[in-house]
N, C-alpha and C. Protein backbone atom coordinates (compact mmCIF):
# COMPACT_ATOMS: atom_id res chain seq x y z
N MET A 1 114.09 138.30 87.93
CA MET A 1 114.63 139.47 88.60
C MET A 1 115.67 140.15 87.70
N LEU A 2 115.87 141.40 87.94
CA LEU A 2 116.84 142.17 87.18
C LEU A 2 118.17 142.22 87.92
N ILE A 3 119.25 142.13 87.15
CA ILE A 3 120.59 142.32 87.71
C ILE A 3 121.26 143.43 86.92
N GLU A 4 122.12 144.18 87.59
CA GLU A 4 122.83 145.28 86.94
C GLU A 4 124.20 144.80 86.50
N VAL A 5 124.52 145.06 85.23
CA VAL A 5 125.84 144.72 84.67
C VAL A 5 126.39 145.95 83.97
N THR A 6 127.69 145.91 83.69
CA THR A 6 128.37 147.04 83.06
C THR A 6 128.92 146.62 81.70
N LYS A 7 128.47 147.32 80.66
CA LYS A 7 129.00 147.06 79.33
C LYS A 7 130.44 147.58 79.27
N LEU A 8 131.19 147.17 78.26
CA LEU A 8 132.59 147.56 78.15
C LEU A 8 132.78 149.07 78.04
N ASN A 9 131.78 149.78 77.51
CA ASN A 9 131.89 151.24 77.39
C ASN A 9 131.56 151.96 78.69
N GLY A 10 131.25 151.19 79.76
CA GLY A 10 130.97 151.79 81.07
C GLY A 10 129.49 151.99 81.35
N THR A 11 128.64 151.77 80.38
CA THR A 11 127.20 151.93 80.57
C THR A 11 126.66 150.80 81.43
N LYS A 12 125.93 151.17 82.47
CA LYS A 12 125.30 150.18 83.33
C LYS A 12 123.90 149.89 82.79
N ILE A 13 123.57 148.59 82.72
CA ILE A 13 122.25 148.20 82.24
C ILE A 13 121.67 147.14 83.17
N LEU A 14 120.36 147.01 83.13
CA LEU A 14 119.68 145.97 83.89
C LEU A 14 119.27 144.88 82.92
N VAL A 15 119.52 143.64 83.29
CA VAL A 15 119.11 142.51 82.46
C VAL A 15 118.28 141.55 83.31
N ASN A 16 117.35 140.89 82.64
CA ASN A 16 116.51 139.90 83.29
C ASN A 16 117.30 138.60 83.40
N ASP A 17 117.55 138.17 84.61
CA ASP A 17 118.37 136.96 84.77
C ASP A 17 117.68 135.71 84.24
N ASP A 18 116.35 135.73 84.12
CA ASP A 18 115.63 134.59 83.53
C ASP A 18 115.86 134.49 82.03
N ALA A 19 116.28 135.59 81.39
CA ALA A 19 116.49 135.60 79.94
C ALA A 19 117.89 135.12 79.55
N ILE A 20 118.77 134.94 80.54
CA ILE A 20 120.14 134.52 80.26
C ILE A 20 120.17 133.02 79.95
N GLU A 21 120.77 132.68 78.81
CA GLU A 21 120.95 131.27 78.46
C GLU A 21 122.25 130.74 79.04
N TYR A 22 123.36 131.51 78.82
CA TYR A 22 124.63 131.12 79.42
C TYR A 22 125.57 132.31 79.48
N VAL A 23 126.62 132.15 80.29
CA VAL A 23 127.67 133.17 80.45
C VAL A 23 129.00 132.46 80.26
N GLU A 24 129.88 133.07 79.45
CA GLU A 24 131.21 132.49 79.26
C GLU A 24 132.27 133.57 79.31
N GLU A 25 133.48 133.17 79.66
CA GLU A 25 134.63 134.09 79.65
C GLU A 25 135.56 133.65 78.53
N THR A 26 135.87 134.61 77.63
CA THR A 26 136.61 134.23 76.41
C THR A 26 137.80 135.11 76.05
N PRO A 27 138.54 135.86 76.78
CA PRO A 27 138.52 136.12 78.22
C PRO A 27 137.50 137.16 78.64
N ASP A 28 136.94 137.95 77.70
CA ASP A 28 135.86 138.87 78.09
C ASP A 28 134.64 138.04 78.48
N THR A 29 133.83 138.61 79.36
CA THR A 29 132.62 137.92 79.78
C THR A 29 131.51 138.19 78.77
N VAL A 30 130.98 137.13 78.20
CA VAL A 30 129.92 137.22 77.21
C VAL A 30 128.65 136.62 77.80
N VAL A 31 127.57 137.40 77.75
CA VAL A 31 126.27 136.91 78.21
C VAL A 31 125.43 136.63 76.97
N MET A 32 124.97 135.40 76.83
CA MET A 32 124.11 135.01 75.72
C MET A 32 122.69 134.88 76.26
N PHE A 33 121.76 135.54 75.57
CA PHE A 33 120.37 135.50 75.98
C PHE A 33 119.60 134.47 75.16
N ARG A 34 118.48 134.04 75.68
CA ARG A 34 117.64 133.06 74.99
C ARG A 34 117.19 133.56 73.62
N SER A 35 117.12 134.87 73.46
CA SER A 35 116.71 135.48 72.19
C SER A 35 117.79 135.36 71.12
N GLY A 36 119.02 135.00 71.53
CA GLY A 36 120.14 134.93 70.61
C GLY A 36 121.04 136.15 70.68
N ARG A 37 120.59 137.19 71.36
CA ARG A 37 121.40 138.40 71.53
C ARG A 37 122.52 138.13 72.51
N LYS A 38 123.67 138.80 72.28
CA LYS A 38 124.82 138.67 73.20
C LYS A 38 125.28 140.06 73.59
N ILE A 39 125.82 140.15 74.80
CA ILE A 39 126.49 141.38 75.22
C ILE A 39 127.80 140.99 75.89
N ILE A 40 128.77 141.88 75.79
CA ILE A 40 130.06 141.70 76.47
C ILE A 40 130.07 142.67 77.64
N ILE A 41 130.41 142.15 78.81
CA ILE A 41 130.34 142.96 80.02
C ILE A 41 131.65 142.90 80.79
N LYS A 42 131.79 143.84 81.74
CA LYS A 42 133.00 143.93 82.55
C LYS A 42 133.03 142.92 83.69
N GLU A 43 131.87 142.56 84.22
CA GLU A 43 131.82 141.65 85.36
C GLU A 43 132.30 140.26 84.94
N SER A 44 132.83 139.54 85.90
CA SER A 44 133.30 138.17 85.62
C SER A 44 132.11 137.20 85.62
N ARG A 45 132.37 136.02 85.12
CA ARG A 45 131.35 134.96 85.14
C ARG A 45 130.92 134.67 86.57
N GLN A 46 131.89 134.64 87.48
CA GLN A 46 131.59 134.36 88.89
C GLN A 46 130.73 135.47 89.50
N GLU A 47 131.00 136.72 89.16
CA GLU A 47 130.19 137.82 89.68
C GLU A 47 128.74 137.69 89.21
N ILE A 48 128.55 137.32 87.95
CA ILE A 48 127.19 137.15 87.42
C ILE A 48 126.51 135.99 88.15
N LYS A 49 127.22 134.91 88.34
CA LYS A 49 126.68 133.77 89.08
C LYS A 49 126.22 134.19 90.47
N ASN A 50 127.05 134.98 91.15
CA ASN A 50 126.70 135.44 92.50
C ASN A 50 125.49 136.37 92.48
N LEU A 51 125.40 137.25 91.49
CA LEU A 51 124.25 138.15 91.39
C LEU A 51 122.96 137.37 91.17
N VAL A 52 123.00 136.41 90.28
CA VAL A 52 121.81 135.60 90.00
C VAL A 52 121.43 134.79 91.23
N LYS A 53 122.43 134.21 91.87
CA LYS A 53 122.19 133.40 93.06
C LYS A 53 121.59 134.24 94.18
N SER A 54 122.09 135.46 94.38
CA SER A 54 121.55 136.32 95.45
C SER A 54 120.13 136.75 95.14
N ASN A 55 119.76 136.87 93.85
CA ASN A 55 118.39 137.20 93.48
C ASN A 55 117.43 136.08 93.80
N THR A 56 117.88 134.85 93.69
CA THR A 56 117.00 133.72 93.96
C THR A 56 116.78 133.52 95.46
N ASN A 57 117.69 134.08 96.27
CA ASN A 57 117.57 133.95 97.72
C ASN A 57 116.73 135.06 98.35
N ASP A 58 116.38 136.08 97.57
CA ASP A 58 115.60 137.21 98.11
C ASP A 58 114.15 136.87 98.27
């Protein structure tokens, strides 16, 4: 499923939650994908966890 996140520049993007390898706060939230690509986003680690969890319950 796709989840919407916000990059630091304010751009909203959709990412495939199945492609996420891990999320960490360093203190910025970094999403690492299985492909090795990373993005830094405005949402917290907990917000991403909640978005992914709500997608699995749909």
